Amino acid sequence: MIKSEITHKIYEPGNAVFISNILQAQRYLEYLGADYLLDIIWDGDDRDRCLRFVFPRCPETKHCKELWDQHKL
């Protein structure tokens, strides 16, 4: 279990979706609302570091992914 230092929410990484595409994360936030954001982390090795937005793995985020893949989000 991880407790976010940003949102103070507790989550299990295996039950989360990690998004490093800023535009995709923005669209998820617009569609779902900020309540779905679990965390924002700085991840990767020294050469490939990036921000990752963490959302719960649930039917709502699955639907967002489907809309994103269809260019409808």
C-alpha atoms as a PDB file:
ATOM      1  CA  MET A   1       0.000   0.000   0.000  1.00  0.00           C
ATOM      2  CA  ILE A   2       1.151   3.508  -0.826  1.00  0.00           C
ATOM      3  CA  LYS A   3      -0.032   6.731   0.774  1.00  0.00           C
ATOM      4  CA  SER A   4       0.144   9.698  -1.583  1.00  0.00           C
ATOM      5  CA  GLU A   5       2.033  12.702  -0.301  1.00  0.00           C
ATOM      6  CA  ILE A   6      -0.058  14.866  -2.648  1.00  0.00           C
ATOM      7  CA  THR A   7      -3.635  13.596  -2.286  1.00  0.00           C
ATOM      8  CA  HIS A   8      -3.144  11.690   1.013  1.00  0.00           C
ATOM      9  CA  LYS A   9      -5.071   8.784  -0.525  1.00  0.00           C
ATOM     10  CA  ILE A  10      -3.978   5.193   0.074  1.00  0.00           C
ATOM     11  CA  TYR A  11      -3.816   2.829  -2.896  1.00  0.00           C
ATOM     12  CA  GLU A  12      -2.422  -0.499  -4.027  1.00  0.00           C
ATOM     13  CA  PRO A  13      -0.193  -0.113  -7.128  1.00  0.00           C
ATOM     14  CA  GLY A  14      -1.593  -3.338  -8.603  1.00  0.00           C
ATOM     15  CA  ASN A  15      -5.072  -1.780  -8.590  1.00  0.00           C
ATOM     16  CA  ALA A  16      -3.981   1.463 -10.214  1.00  0.00           C
ATOM     17  CA  VAL A  17      -3.466   2.883 -13.703  1.00  0.00           C
ATOM     18  CA  PHE A  18      -0.301   4.942 -14.262  1.00  0.00           C
ATOM     19  CA  ILE A  19      -0.474   7.563 -17.017  1.00  0.00           C
ATOM     20  CA  SER A  20       2.580   9.520 -18.125  1.00  0.00           C
ATOM     21  CA  ASN A  21       0.914  11.304 -21.059  1.00  0.00           C
ATOM     22  CA  ILE A  22       0.029  14.743 -19.649  1.00  0.00           C
ATOM     23  CA  LEU A  23      -2.744  15.354 -22.187  1.00  0.00           C
ATOM     24  CA  GLN A  24      -4.315  11.957 -21.476  1.00  0.00           C
ATOM     25  CA  ALA A  25      -4.184  12.602 -17.720  1.00  0.00           C
ATOM     26  CA  GLN A  26      -5.789  16.012 -18.248  1.00  0.00           C
ATOM     27  CA  ARG A  27      -8.632  14.456 -20.241  1.00  0.00           C
ATOM     28  CA  TYR A  28      -9.167  11.768 -17.585  1.00  0.00           C
ATOM     29  CA  LEU A  29      -9.363  14.518 -14.942  1.00  0.00           C
ATOM     30  CA  GLU A  30     -11.818  16.547 -17.021  1.00  0.00           C
ATOM     31  CA  TYR A  31     -14.006  13.499 -17.674  1.00  0.00           C
ATOM     32  CA  LEU A  32     -13.849  11.821 -14.245  1.00  0.00           C
ATOM     33  CA  GLY A  33     -13.115  14.687 -11.884  1.00  0.00           C
ATOM     34  CA  ALA A  34     -10.291  15.196  -9.418  1.00  0.00           C
ATOM     35  CA  ASP A  35     -11.760  12.678  -6.954  1.00  0.00           C
ATOM     36  CA  TYR A  36     -10.417   9.891  -9.179  1.00  0.00           C
ATOM     37  CA  LEU A  37      -6.816  11.125  -8.987  1.00  0.00           C
ATOM     38  CA  LEU A  38      -4.944   8.943  -6.492  1.00  0.00           C
ATOM     39  CA  ASP A  39      -1.464  10.377  -6.813  1.00  0.00           C
ATOM     40  CA  ILE A  40       1.108  12.158  -8.953  1.00  0.00           C
ATOM     41  CA  ILE A  41       4.559  10.611  -8.786  1.00  0.00           C
ATOM     42  CA  TRP A  42       8.012  11.363 -10.193  1.00  0.00           C
ATOM     43  CA  ASP A  43       9.086   8.013 -11.638  1.00  0.00           C
ATOM     44  CA  GLY A  44      11.801   6.394 -13.732  1.00  0.00           C
ATOM     45  CA  ASP A  45      15.575   6.229 -13.792  1.00  0.00           C
ATOM     46  CA  ASP A  46      17.888   9.221 -14.152  1.00  0.00           C
ATOM     47  CA  ARG A  47      17.678   9.274 -17.957  1.00  0.00           C
ATOM     48  CA  ASP A  48      13.960   8.609 -18.302  1.00  0.00           C
ATOM     49  CA  ARG A  49      12.188  10.386 -15.460  1.00  0.00           C
ATOM     50  CA  CYS A  50       8.631  11.602 -15.863  1.00  0.00           C
ATOM     51  CA  LEU A  51       5.490  12.530 -13.985  1.00  0.00           C
ATOM     52  CA  ARG A  52       2.962   9.748 -13.688  1.00  0.00           C
ATOM     53  CA  PHE A  53      -0.653  10.386 -12.815  1.00  0.00           C
ATOM     54  CA  VAL A  54      -2.226   7.558 -10.825  1.00  0.00           C
ATOM     55  CA  PHE A  55      -5.892   6.630 -11.180  1.00  0.00           C
ATOM     56  CA  PRO A  56      -7.821   3.651  -9.784  1.00  0.00           C
ATOM     57  CA  ARG A  57      -8.230   0.615 -12.016  1.00  0.00           C
ATOM     58  CA  CYS A  58     -12.031   0.578 -12.270  1.00  0.00           C
ATOM     59  CA  PRO A  59     -14.840   0.526 -14.869  1.00  0.00           C
ATOM     60  CA  GLU A  60     -14.779   4.324 -15.135  1.00  0.00           C
ATOM     61  CA  THR A  61     -11.080   4.522 -16.000  1.00  0.00           C
ATOM     62  CA  LYS A  62     -11.498   1.564 -18.363  1.00  0.00           C
ATOM     63  CA  HIS A  63     -14.203   3.548 -20.155  1.00  0.00           C
ATOM     64  CA  CYS A  64     -11.892   6.587 -20.319  1.00  0.00           C
ATOM     65  CA  LYS A  65      -9.210   4.427 -21.926  1.00  0.00           C
ATOM     66  CA  GLU A  66     -11.708   3.189 -24.513  1.00  0.00           C
ATOM     67  CA  LEU A  67     -12.763   6.766 -25.307  1.00  0.00           C
ATOM     68  CA  TRP A  68      -9.112   7.856 -25.473  1.00  0.00           C
ATOM     69  CA  ASP A  69      -8.265   5.035 -27.886  1.00  0.00           C
ATOM     70  CA  GLN A  70     -11.209   6.080 -30.109  1.00  0.00           C
ATOM     71  CA  HIS A  71     -10.064   9.758 -30.027  1.00  0.00           C
ATOM     72  CA  LYS A  72     -13.340  10.723 -28.355  1.00  0.00           C
ATOM     73  CA  LEU A  73     -11.961  11.961 -25.057  1.00  0.00           C
END
